C-alpha cells in the first residue's frame, strides 16, 4: 500500500471489508485513527465505525478489538460516538456479509 497514496490503500481495504475481511476492517480503523499515515487527517468517527463493525462480525471477540474500541472512544465526544454507531449500523445494513467468507 505504501504511504504515498493512502486513499488508494483505503479503497482496496474497503473492497476487502465488503467481502468480509476482518483484517481489512481492523486496518481501516487503524488508518482512519491517524496511526498509519502522516499524510492522512484522522477521522475518529470513521475509525470507530470500522472497529464497531469488526466487533459485530468477529466471533469470538478478541481483546485487541475491544481495546481498539475503548481507546478510540476515549478520544471522542458522545456525539461522535453516536455518529460512528450510526455509520456502522448503516454499513452493516447495506453490506450483507456471508460469515463463511470472513477471515
PDB file of N, CA and C in Angstrom:
ATOM      1  N   UNK A   1       0.812  -1.183   0.000  1.00  0.00           N
ATOM      2  CA  UNK A   1       0.000   0.000   0.000  1.00  0.00           C
ATOM      3  C   UNK A   1       0.858   1.250   0.000  1.00  0.00           C
ATOM      4  N   UNK A   2       1.819   1.311   0.835  1.00  0.00           N
ATOM      5  CA  UNK A   2       2.699   2.475   0.875  1.00  0.00           C
ATOM      6  C   UNK A   2       2.030   3.683   1.485  1.00  0.00           C
ATOM      7  N   UNK A   3       2.840   4.677   1.795  1.00  0.00           N
ATOM      8  CA  UNK A   3       2.321   5.895   2.397  1.00  0.00           C
ATOM      9  C   UNK A   3       2.066   6.986   1.374  1.00  0.00           C
ATOM     10  N   UNK A   4       2.459   6.778   0.132  1.00  0.00           N
ATOM     11  CA  UNK A   4       2.317   7.835  -0.862  1.00  0.00           C
ATOM     12  C   UNK A   4       0.876   8.073  -1.273  1.00  0.00           C
ATOM     13  N   UNK A   5       0.094   7.032  -1.341  1.00  0.00           N
ATOM     14  CA  UNK A   5      -1.280   7.157  -1.803  1.00  0.00           C
ATOM     15  C   UNK A   5      -2.223   6.469  -0.818  1.00  0.00           C
ATOM     16  N   UNK A   6      -2.434   7.068   0.348  1.00  0.00           N
ATOM     17  CA  UNK A   6      -3.270   6.394   1.345  1.00  0.00           C
ATOM     18  C   UNK A   6      -4.700   6.164   0.867  1.00  0.00           C
ATOM     19  N   UNK A   7      -5.241   7.057   0.032  1.00  0.00           N
ATOM     20  CA  UNK A   7      -6.615   6.867  -0.430  1.00  0.00           C
ATOM     21  C   UNK A   7      -6.754   5.608  -1.282  1.00  0.00           C
ATOM     22  N   UNK A   8      -5.741   5.294  -2.051  1.00  0.00           N
ATOM     23  CA  UNK A   8      -5.766   4.076  -2.862  1.00  0.00           C
ATOM     24  C   UNK A   8      -5.758   2.851  -1.951  1.00  0.00           C
ATOM     25  N   UNK A   9      -4.923   2.899  -0.928  1.00  0.00           N
ATOM     26  CA  UNK A   9      -4.888   1.804   0.034  1.00  0.00           C
ATOM     27  C   UNK A   9      -6.218   1.630   0.737  1.00  0.00           C
ATOM     28  N   UNK A  10      -6.825   2.735   1.121  1.00  0.00           N
ATOM     29  CA  UNK A  10      -8.125   2.680   1.787  1.00  0.00           C
ATOM     30  C   UNK A  10      -9.174   2.084   0.859  1.00  0.00           C
ATOM     31  N   UNK A  11      -9.124   2.471  -0.408  1.00  0.00           N
ATOM     32  CA  UNK A  11     -10.085   1.930  -1.375  1.00  0.00           C
ATOM     33  C   UNK A  11     -10.019   0.402  -1.406  1.00  0.00           C
ATOM     34  N   UNK A  12      -8.810  -0.133  -1.477  1.00  0.00           N
ATOM     35  CA  UNK A  12      -8.663  -1.588  -1.535  1.00  0.00           C
ATOM     36  C   UNK A  12      -9.051  -2.252  -0.214  1.00  0.00           C
ATOM     37  N   UNK A  13      -8.773  -1.601   0.884  1.00  0.00           N
ATOM     38  CA  UNK A  13      -9.207  -2.141   2.174  1.00  0.00           C
ATOM     39  C   UNK A  13     -10.725  -2.160   2.273  1.00  0.00           C
ATOM     40  N   UNK A  14     -11.386  -1.117   1.768  1.00  0.00           N
ATOM     41  CA  UNK A  14     -12.852  -1.077   1.787  1.00  0.00           C
ATOM     42  C   UNK A  14     -13.444  -2.190   0.924  1.00  0.00           C
ATOM     43  N   UNK A  15     -12.821  -2.467  -0.217  1.00  0.00           N
ATOM     44  CA  UNK A  15     -13.286  -3.576  -1.055  1.00  0.00           C
ATOM     45  C   UNK A  15     -13.158  -4.905  -0.307  1.00  0.00           C
ATOM     46  N   UNK A  16     -12.034  -5.091   0.370  1.00  0.00           N
ATOM     47  CA  UNK A  16     -11.824  -6.320   1.139  1.00  0.00           C
ATOM     48  C   UNK A  16     -12.802  -6.406   2.309  1.00  0.00           C
ATOM     49  N   UNK A  17     -13.058  -5.285   2.967  1.00  0.00           N
ATOM     50  CA  UNK A  17     -14.008  -5.261   4.083  1.00  0.00           C
ATOM     51  C   UNK A  17     -15.405  -5.655   3.606  1.00  0.00           C
ATOM     52  N   UNK A  18     -15.786  -5.183   2.429  1.00  0.00           N
ATOM     53  CA  UNK A  18     -17.100  -5.517   1.877  1.00  0.00           C
ATOM     54  C   UNK A  18     -17.226  -7.011   1.581  1.00  0.00           C
ATOM     55  N   UNK A  19     -16.094  -7.690   1.446  1.00  0.00           N
ATOM     56  CA  UNK A  19     -16.074  -9.138   1.247  1.00  0.00           C
ATOM     57  C   UNK A  19     -15.985  -9.891   2.575  1.00  0.00           C
ATOM     58  N   UNK A  20     -15.925  -9.147   3.679  1.00  0.00           N
ATOM     59  CA  UNK A  20     -15.922  -9.769   4.998  1.00  0.00           C
ATOM     60  C   UNK A  20     -14.573  -9.886   5.665  1.00  0.00           C
ATOM     61  N   UNK A  21     -13.558  -9.224   5.147  1.00  0.00           N
ATOM     62  CA  UNK A  21     -12.228  -9.328   5.747  1.00  0.00           C
ATOM     63  C   UNK A  21     -12.147  -8.540   7.056  1.00  0.00           C
ATOM     64  N   UNK A  22     -12.053  -9.265   8.154  1.00  0.00           N
ATOM     65  CA  UNK A  22     -11.910  -8.620   9.461  1.00  0.00           C
ATOM     66  C   UNK A  22     -10.576  -7.893   9.568  1.00  0.00           C
ATOM     67  N   UNK A  23      -9.562  -8.436   8.921  1.00  0.00           N
ATOM     68  CA  UNK A  23      -8.255  -7.779   8.912  1.00  0.00           C
ATOM     69  C   UNK A  23      -8.354  -6.424   8.232  1.00  0.00           C
ATOM     70  N   UNK A  24      -9.058  -6.365   7.108  1.00  0.00           N
ATOM     71  CA  UNK A  24      -9.238  -5.087   6.409  1.00  0.00           C
ATOM     72  C   UNK A  24      -9.996  -4.097   7.285  1.00  0.00           C
ATOM     73  N   UNK A  25     -11.005  -4.573   7.997  1.00  0.00           N
ATOM     74  CA  UNK A  25     -11.776  -3.691   8.879  1.00  0.00           C
ATOM     75  C   UNK A  25     -10.897  -3.122   9.978  1.00  0.00           C
ATOM     76  N   UNK A  26     -10.077  -3.972  10.560  1.00  0.00           N
ATOM     77  CA  UNK A  26      -9.156  -3.518  11.596  1.00  0.00           C
ATOM     78  C   UNK A  26      -8.167  -2.502  11.034  1.00  0.00           C
ATOM     79  N   UNK A  27      -7.641  -2.797   9.846  1.00  0.00           N
ATOM     80  CA  UNK A  27      -6.695  -1.869   9.218  1.00  0.00           C
ATOM     81  C   UNK A  27      -7.346  -0.538   8.877  1.00  0.00           C
ATOM     82  N   UNK A  28      -8.609  -0.556   8.454  1.00  0.00           N
ATOM     83  CA  UNK A  28      -9.312   0.703   8.175  1.00  0.00           C
ATOM     84  C   UNK A  28      -9.439   1.535   9.451  1.00  0.00           C
ATOM     85  N   UNK A  29      -9.782   0.878  10.554  1.00  0.00           N
ATOM     86  CA  UNK A  29      -9.851   1.599  11.821  1.00  0.00           C
ATOM     87  C   UNK A  29      -8.513   2.224  12.175  1.00  0.00           C
ATOM     88  N   UNK A  30      -7.459   1.463  11.957  1.00  0.00           N
ATOM     89  CA  UNK A  30      -6.099   1.936  12.243  1.00  0.00           C
ATOM     90  C   UNK A  30      -5.735   3.115  11.348  1.00  0.00           C
ATOM     91  N   UNK A  31      -6.025   3.014  10.044  1.00  0.00           N
ATOM     92  CA  UNK A  31      -5.718   4.111   9.111  1.00  0.00           C
ATOM     93  C   UNK A  31      -6.476   5.376   9.496  1.00  0.00           C
ATOM     94  N   UNK A  32      -7.791   5.235   9.702  1.00  0.00           N
ATOM     95  CA  UNK A  32      -8.595   6.421   9.989  1.00  0.00           C
ATOM     96  C   UNK A  32      -8.291   7.016  11.361  1.00  0.00           C
ATOM     97  N   UNK A  33      -7.726   6.229  12.259  1.00  0.00           N
ATOM     98  CA  UNK A  33      -7.368   6.777  13.572  1.00  0.00           C
ATOM     99  C   UNK A  33      -6.147   7.688  13.488  1.00  0.00           C
ATOM    100  N   UNK A  34      -5.497   7.681  12.324  1.00  0.00           N
ATOM    101  CA  UNK A  34      -4.342   8.552  12.114  1.00  0.00           C
ATOM    102  C   UNK A  34      -3.019   7.922  12.480  1.00  0.00           C
ATOM    103  N   UNK A  35      -3.028   6.635  12.771  1.00  0.00           N
ATOM    104  CA  UNK A  35      -1.801   5.967  13.198  1.00  0.00           C
ATOM    105  C   UNK A  35      -0.982   5.388  12.052  1.00  0.00           C
ATOM    106  N   UNK A  36      -1.566   5.276  10.869  1.00  0.00           N
ATOM    107  CA  UNK A  36      -0.882   4.612   9.762  1.00  0.00           C
ATOM    108  C   UNK A  36      -0.101   5.572   8.877  1.00  0.00           C
ATOM    109  N   UNK A  37      -0.715   6.680   8.505  1.00  0.00           N
ATOM    110  CA  UNK A  37      -0.091   7.569   7.528  1.00  0.00           C
ATOM    111  C   UNK A  37      -0.062   9.006   8.028  1.00  0.00           C
ATOM    112  N   UNK A  38       1.109   9.615   8.031  1.00  0.00           N
ATOM    113  CA  UNK A  38       1.184  11.018   8.443  1.00  0.00           C
ATOM    114  C   UNK A  38       0.516  11.949   7.429  1.00  0.00           C
ATOM    115  N   UNK A  39       0.214  11.431   6.248  1.00  0.00           N
ATOM    116  CA  UNK A  39      -0.416  12.249   5.209  1.00  0.00           C
ATOM    117  C   UNK A  39      -1.936  12.267   5.314  1.00  0.00           C
ATOM    118  N   UNK A  40      -2.484  11.462   6.188  1.00  0.00           N
ATOM    119  CA  UNK A  40      -3.935  11.404   6.343  1.00  0.00           C
ATOM    120  C   UNK A  40      -4.370  12.166   7.572  1.00  0.00           C
ATOM    121  N   UNK A  41      -5.413  12.951   7.408  1.00  0.00           N
ATOM    122  CA  UNK A  41      -6.033  13.604   8.551  1.00  0.00           C
ATOM    123  C   UNK A  41      -6.887  12.557   9.262  1.00  0.00           C
ATOM    124  N   UNK A  42      -6.716  12.382  10.565  1.00  0.00           N
ATOM    125  CA  UNK A  42      -7.521  11.387  11.271  1.00  0.00           C
ATOM    126  C   UNK A  42      -9.017  11.687  11.154  1.00  0.00           C
ATOM    127  N   UNK A  43      -9.793  10.637  11.054  1.00  0.00           N
ATOM    128  CA  UNK A  43     -11.248  10.720  11.073  1.00  0.00           C
ATOM    129  C   UNK A  43     -11.702   9.742  12.150  1.00  0.00           C
ATOM    130  N   UNK A  44     -11.843  10.254  13.370  1.00  0.00           N
ATOM    131  CA  UNK A  44     -12.121   9.392  14.513  1.00  0.00           C
ATOM    132  C   UNK A  44     -13.455   8.678  14.394  1.00  0.00           C
ATOM    133  N   UNK A  45     -14.450   9.332  13.803  1.00  0.00           N
ATOM    134  CA  UNK A  45     -15.757   8.700  13.633  1.00  0.00           C
ATOM    135  C   UNK A  45     -15.634   7.503  12.695  1.00  0.00           C
ATOM    136  N   UNK A  46     -14.940   7.697  11.594  1.00  0.00           N
ATOM    137  CA  UNK A  46     -14.767   6.610  10.628  1.00  0.00           C
ATOM    138  C   UNK A  46     -13.930   5.481  11.235  1.00  0.00           C
ATOM    139  N   UNK A  47     -12.929   5.821  12.029  1.00  0.00           N
ATOM    140  CA  UNK A  47     -12.116   4.794  12.689  1.00  0.00           C
ATOM    141  C   UNK A  47     -12.976   3.943  13.618  1.00  0.00           C
ATOM    142  N   UNK A  48     -13.773   4.596  14.452  1.00  0.00           N
ATOM    143  CA  UNK A  48     -14.611   3.850  15.388  1.00  0.00           C
ATOM    144  C   UNK A  48     -15.667   3.047  14.646  1.00  0.00           C
ATOM    145  N   UNK A  49     -16.183   3.582  13.544  1.00  0.00           N
ATOM    146  CA  UNK A  49     -17.140   2.830  12.721  1.00  0.00           C
ATOM    147  C   UNK A  49     -16.554   1.468  12.356  1.00  0.00           C
ATOM    148  N   UNK A  50     -15.331   1.466  11.845  1.00  0.00           N
ATOM    149  CA  UNK A  50     -14.725   0.201  11.415  1.00  0.00           C
ATOM    150  C   UNK A  50     -14.445  -0.718  12.586  1.00  0.00           C
ATOM    151  N   UNK A  51     -14.042  -0.181  13.727  1.00  0.00           N
ATOM    152  CA  UNK A  51     -13.828  -1.026  14.900  1.00  0.00           C
ATOM    153  C   UNK A  51     -15.151  -1.629  15.385  1.00  0.00           C
ATOM    154  N   UNK A  52     -16.239  -0.837  15.343  1.00  0.00           N
ATOM    155  CA  UNK A  52     -17.551  -1.371  15.727  1.00  0.00           C
ATOM    156  C   UNK A  52     -17.979  -2.493  14.787  1.00  0.00           C
ATOM    157  N   UNK A  53     -17.823  -2.287  13.485  1.00  0.00           N
ATOM    158  CA  UNK A  53     -18.207  -3.309  12.512  1.00  0.00           C
ATOM    159  C   UNK A  53     -17.428  -4.593  12.770  1.00  0.00           C
ATOM    160  N   UNK A  54     -16.147  -4.458  13.004  1.00  0.00           N
ATOM    161  CA  UNK A  54     -15.321  -5.632  13.289  1.00  0.00           C
ATOM    162  C   UNK A  54     -15.827  -6.340  14.543  1.00  0.00           C
ATOM    163  N   UNK A  55     -16.201  -5.578  15.550  1.00  0.00           N
ATOM    164  CA  UNK A  55     -16.700  -6.160  16.796  1.00  0.00           C
ATOM    165  C   UNK A  55     -17.982  -6.946  16.563  1.00  0.00           C
ATOM    166  N   UNK A  56     -18.873  -6.410  15.735  1.00  0.00           N
ATOM    167  CA  UNK A  56     -20.137  -7.091  15.453  1.00  0.00           C
ATOM    168  C   UNK A  56     -19.905  -8.406  14.715  1.00  0.00           C
ATOM    169  N   UNK A  57     -18.993  -8.404  13.760  1.00  0.00           N
ATOM    170  CA  UNK A  57     -18.788  -9.570  12.904  1.00  0.00           C
ATOM    171  C   UNK A  57     -17.810 -10.592  13.462  1.00  0.00           C
ATOM    172  N   UNK A  58     -16.984 -10.175  14.386  1.00  0.00           N
ATOM    173  CA  UNK A  58     -15.948 -11.055  14.924  1.00  0.00           C
ATOM    174  C   UNK A  58     -16.526 -11.946  16.018  1.00  0.00           C
ATOM    175  N   UNK A  59     -16.257 -13.223  15.915  1.00  0.00           N
ATOM    176  CA  UNK A  59     -16.721 -14.139  16.936  1.00  0.00           C
ATOM    177  C   UNK A  59     -15.654 -15.212  17.128  1.00  0.00           C
ATOM    178  N   UNK A  60     -15.152 -15.414  18.301  1.00  0.00           N
ATOM    179  CA  UNK A  60     -15.387 -14.606  19.494  1.00  0.00           C
ATOM    180  C   UNK A  60     -14.612 -13.291  19.437  1.00  0.00           C
ATOM    181  N   UNK A  61     -15.055 -12.355  20.240  1.00  0.00           N
ATOM    182  CA  UNK A  61     -14.379 -11.055  20.275  1.00  0.00           C
ATOM    183  C   UNK A  61     -12.981 -11.219  20.864  1.00  0.00           C
ATOM    184  N   UNK A  62     -12.040 -10.492  20.300  1.00  0.00           N
ATOM    185  CA  UNK A  62     -10.677 -10.545  20.824  1.00  0.00           C
ATOM    186  C   UNK A  62     -10.434  -9.350  21.728  1.00  0.00           C
ATOM    187  N   UNK A  63      -9.454  -9.488  22.587  1.00  0.00           N
ATOM    188  CA  UNK A  63      -9.106  -8.380  23.472  1.00  0.00           C
ATOM    189  C   UNK A  63      -8.632  -7.171  22.687  1.00  0.00           C
ATOM    190  N   UNK A  64      -7.927  -7.402  21.577  1.00  0.00           N
ATOM    191  CA  UNK A  64      -7.406  -6.269  20.812  1.00  0.00           C
ATOM    192  C   UNK A  64      -8.532  -5.466  20.179  1.00  0.00           C
ATOM    193  N   UNK A  65      -9.582  -6.129  19.713  1.00  0.00           N
ATOM    194  CA  UNK A  65     -10.709  -5.402  19.129  1.00  0.00           C
ATOM    195  C   UNK A  65     -11.414  -4.581  20.196  1.00  0.00           C
ATOM    196  N   UNK A  66     -11.670  -5.179  21.340  1.00  0.00           N
ATOM    197  CA  UNK A  66     -12.308  -4.447  22.435  1.00  0.00           C
ATOM    198  C   UNK A  66     -11.442  -3.276  22.886  1.00  0.00           C
ATOM    199  N   UNK A  67     -10.144  -3.488  22.919  1.00  0.00           N
ATOM    200  CA  UNK A  67      -9.213  -2.428  23.306  1.00  0.00           C
ATOM    201  C   UNK A  67      -9.225  -1.295  22.275  1.00  0.00           C
ATOM    202  N   UNK A  68      -9.282  -1.639  20.982  1.00  0.00           N
ATOM    203  CA  UNK A  68      -9.343  -0.614  19.938  1.00  0.00           C
ATOM    204  C   UNK A  68     -10.588   0.253  20.088  1.00  0.00           C
ATOM    205  N   UNK A  69     -11.730  -0.379  20.355  1.00  0.00           N
ATOM    206  CA  UNK A  69     -12.973   0.374  20.544  1.00  0.00           C
ATOM    207  C   UNK A  69     -12.838   1.294  21.748  1.00  0.00           C
ATOM    208  N   UNK A  70     -12.363   0.767  22.864  1.00  0.00           N
ATOM    209  CA  UNK A  70     -12.234   1.572  24.082  1.00  0.00           C
ATOM    210  C   UNK A  70     -11.260   2.730  23.891  1.00  0.00           C
ATOM    211  N   UNK A  71     -10.118   2.469  23.278  1.00  0.00           N
ATOM    212  CA  UNK A  71      -9.130   3.531  23.054  1.00  0.00           C
ATOM    213  C   UNK A  71      -9.679   4.623  22.155  1.00  0.00           C
ATOM    214  N   UNK A  72     -10.395   4.223  21.114  1.00  0.00           N
ATOM    215  CA  UNK A  72     -10.945   5.208  20.191  1.00  0.00           C
ATOM    216  C   UNK A  72     -12.016   6.050  20.874  1.00  0.00           C
ATOM    217  N   UNK A  73     -12.894   5.407  21.644  1.00  0.00           N
ATOM    218  CA  UNK A  73     -13.981   6.129  22.322  1.00  0.00           C
ATOM    219  C   UNK A  73     -13.435   7.149  23.315  1.00  0.00           C
ATOM    220  N   UNK A  74     -12.287   6.859  23.924  1.00  0.00           N
ATOM    221  CA  UNK A  74     -11.698   7.789  24.891  1.00  0.00           C
ATOM    222  C   UNK A  74     -11.282   9.109  24.266  1.00  0.00           C
ATOM    223  N   UNK A  75     -11.122   9.142  22.951  1.00  0.00           N
ATOM    224  CA  UNK A  75     -10.698  10.352  22.241  1.00  0.00           C
ATOM    225  C   UNK A  75     -11.878  11.137  21.670  1.00  0.00           C
ATOM    226  N   UNK A  76     -13.105  10.660  21.919  1.00  0.00           N
ATOM    227  CA  UNK A  76     -14.256  11.196  21.200  1.00  0.00           C
ATOM    228  C   UNK A  76     -15.343  11.722  22.127  1.00  0.00           C
ATOM    229  N   UNK A  77     -16.154  12.623  21.565  1.00  0.00           N
ATOM    230  CA  UNK A  77     -17.318  13.139  22.288  1.00  0.00           C
ATOM    231  C   UNK A  77     -18.473  12.139  22.149  1.00  0.00           C
ATOM    232  N   UNK A  78     -19.486  12.240  23.017  1.00  0.00           N
ATOM    233  CA  UNK A  78     -20.653  11.362  22.884  1.00  0.00           C
ATOM    234  C   UNK A  78     -21.326  11.474  21.510  1.00  0.00           C
ATOM    235  N   UNK A  79     -21.384  12.678  20.951  1.00  0.00           N
ATOM    236  CA  UNK A  79     -21.989  12.848  19.626  1.00  0.00           C
ATOM    237  C   UNK A  79     -21.183  12.126  18.550  1.00  0.00           C
ATOM    238  N   UNK A  80     -19.866  12.178  18.653  1.00  0.00           N
ATOM    239  CA  UNK A  80     -19.025  11.475  17.684  1.00  0.00           C
ATOM    240  C   UNK A  80     -19.214   9.961  17.795  1.00  0.00           C
ATOM    241  N   UNK A  81     -19.324   9.476  19.010  1.00  0.00           N
ATOM    242  CA  UNK A  81     -19.526   8.043  19.229  1.00  0.00           C
ATOM    243  C   UNK A  81     -20.854   7.600  18.630  1.00  0.00           C
ATOM    244  N   UNK A  82     -21.899   8.387  18.840  1.00  0.00           N
ATOM    245  CA  UNK A  82     -23.203   8.066  18.256  1.00  0.00           C
ATOM    246  C   UNK A  82     -23.149   8.088  16.734  1.00  0.00           C
ATOM    247  N   UNK A  83     -22.421   9.037  16.172  1.00  0.00           N
ATOM    248  CA  UNK A  83     -22.278   9.106  14.712  1.00  0.00           C
ATOM    249  C   UNK A  83     -21.572   7.859  14.188  1.00  0.00           C
ATOM    250  N   UNK A  84     -20.557   7.396  14.908  1.00  0.00           N
ATOM    251  CA  UNK A  84     -19.842   6.183  14.498  1.00  0.00           C
ATOM    252  C   UNK A  84     -20.759   4.965  14.559  1.00  0.00           C
ATOM    253  N   UNK A  85     -21.567   4.870  15.608  1.00  0.00           N
ATOM    254  CA  UNK A  85     -22.515   3.758  15.722  1.00  0.00           C
ATOM    255  C   UNK A  85     -23.513   3.783  14.569  1.00  0.00           C
ATOM    256  N   UNK A  86     -23.995   4.982  14.234  1.00  0.00           N
ATOM    257  CA  UNK A  86     -24.939   5.125  13.129  1.00  0.00           C
ATOM    258  C   UNK A  86     -24.304   4.681  11.818  1.00  0.00           C
ATOM    259  N   UNK A  87     -23.081   5.139  11.555  1.00  0.00           N
ATOM    260  CA  UNK A  87     -22.389   4.758  10.314  1.00  0.00           C
ATOM    261  C   UNK A  87     -22.157   3.252  10.252  1.00  0.00           C
ATOM    262  N   UNK A  88     -21.777   2.668  11.381  1.00  0.00           N
ATOM    263  CA  UNK A  88     -21.539   1.222  11.417  1.00  0.00           C
ATOM    264  C   UNK A  88     -22.830   0.459  11.132  1.00  0.00           C
ATOM    265  N   UNK A  89     -23.913   0.887  11.752  1.00  0.00           N
ATOM    266  CA  UNK A  89     -25.204   0.244  11.538  1.00  0.00           C
ATOM    267  C   UNK A  89     -25.635   0.355  10.078  1.00  0.00           C
ATOM    268  N   UNK A  90     -25.456   1.529   9.515  1.00  0.00           N
ATOM    269  CA  UNK A  90     -25.809   1.755   8.114  1.00  0.00           C
ATOM    270  C   UNK A  90     -24.965   0.851   7.207  1.00  0.00           C
ATOM    271  N   UNK A  91     -23.670   0.768   7.475  1.00  0.00           N
ATOM    272  CA  UNK A  91     -22.787  -0.073   6.663  1.00  0.00           C
ATOM    273  C   UNK A  91     -23.209  -1.535   6.757  1.00  0.00           C
ATOM    274  N   UNK A  92     -23.485  -1.997   7.970  1.00  0.00           N
ATOM    275  CA  UNK A  92     -23.882  -3.393   8.160  1.00  0.00           C
ATOM    276  C   UNK A  92     -25.201  -3.695   7.452  1.00  0.00           C
ATOM    277  N   UNK A  93     -26.138  -2.750   7.484  1.00  0.00           N
ATOM    278  CA  UNK A  93     -27.414  -2.939   6.790  1.00  0.00           C
ATOM    279  C   UNK A  93     -27.233  -3.036   5.280  1.00  0.00           C
ATOM    280  N   UNK A  94     -26.259  -2.323   4.748  1.00  0.00           N
ATOM    281  CA  UNK A  94     -26.051  -2.263   3.304  1.00  0.00           C
ATOM    282  C   UNK A  94     -25.033  -3.267   2.776  1.00  0.00           C
ATOM    283  N   UNK A  95     -24.347  -3.955   3.652  1.00  0.00           N
ATOM    284  CA  UNK A  95     -23.321  -4.915   3.239  1.00  0.00           C
ATOM    285  C   UNK A  95     -23.578  -6.246   3.929  1.00  0.00           C
ATOM    286  N   UNK A  96     -24.432  -7.015   3.338  1.00  0.00           N
ATOM    287  CA  UNK A  96     -24.733  -8.336   3.899  1.00  0.00           C
ATOM    288  C   UNK A  96     -23.536  -9.240   3.638  1.00  0.00           C
ATOM    289  N   UNK A  97     -22.888  -9.637   4.708  1.00  0.00           N
ATOM    290  CA  UNK A  97     -21.662 -10.421   4.595  1.00  0.00           C
ATOM    291  C   UNK A  97     -21.949 -11.860   4.990  1.00  0.00           C
ATOM    292  N   UNK A  98     -21.544 -12.759   4.138  1.00  0.00           N
ATOM    293  CA  UNK A  98     -21.647 -14.174   4.427  1.00  0.00           C
ATOM    294  C   UNK A  98     -20.510 -14.519   5.383  1.00  0.00           C
ATOM    295  N   UNK A  99     -20.848 -14.935   6.578  1.00  0.00           N
ATOM    296  CA  UNK A  99     -19.828 -15.172   7.600  1.00  0.00           C
ATOM    297  C   UNK A  99     -18.820 -16.242   7.198  1.00  0.00           C
ATOM    298  N   UNK A 100     -19.147 -17.097   6.255  1.00  0.00           N
ATOM    299  CA  UNK A 100     -18.183 -18.114   5.839  1.00  0.00           C
ATOM    300  C   UNK A 100     -17.032 -17.505   5.050  1.00  0.00           C
ATOM    301  N   UNK A 101     -17.183 -16.266   4.578  1.00  0.00           N
ATOM    302  CA  UNK A 101     -16.117 -15.612   3.826  1.00  0.00           C
ATOM    303  C   UNK A 101     -15.266 -14.685   4.690  1.00  0.00           C
ATOM    304  N   UNK A 102     -15.565 -14.620   5.969  1.00  0.00           N
ATOM    305  CA  UNK A 102     -14.789 -13.737   6.830  1.00  0.00           C
ATOM    306  C   UNK A 102     -13.472 -14.393   7.194  1.00  0.00           C
ATOM    307  N   UNK A 103     -12.400 -13.539   7.289  1.00  0.00           N
ATOM    308  CA  UNK A 103     -11.110 -14.098   7.708  1.00  0.00           C
ATOM    309  C   UNK A 103     -10.951 -13.979   9.193  1.00  0.00           C
TER     310      UNK A 103
END
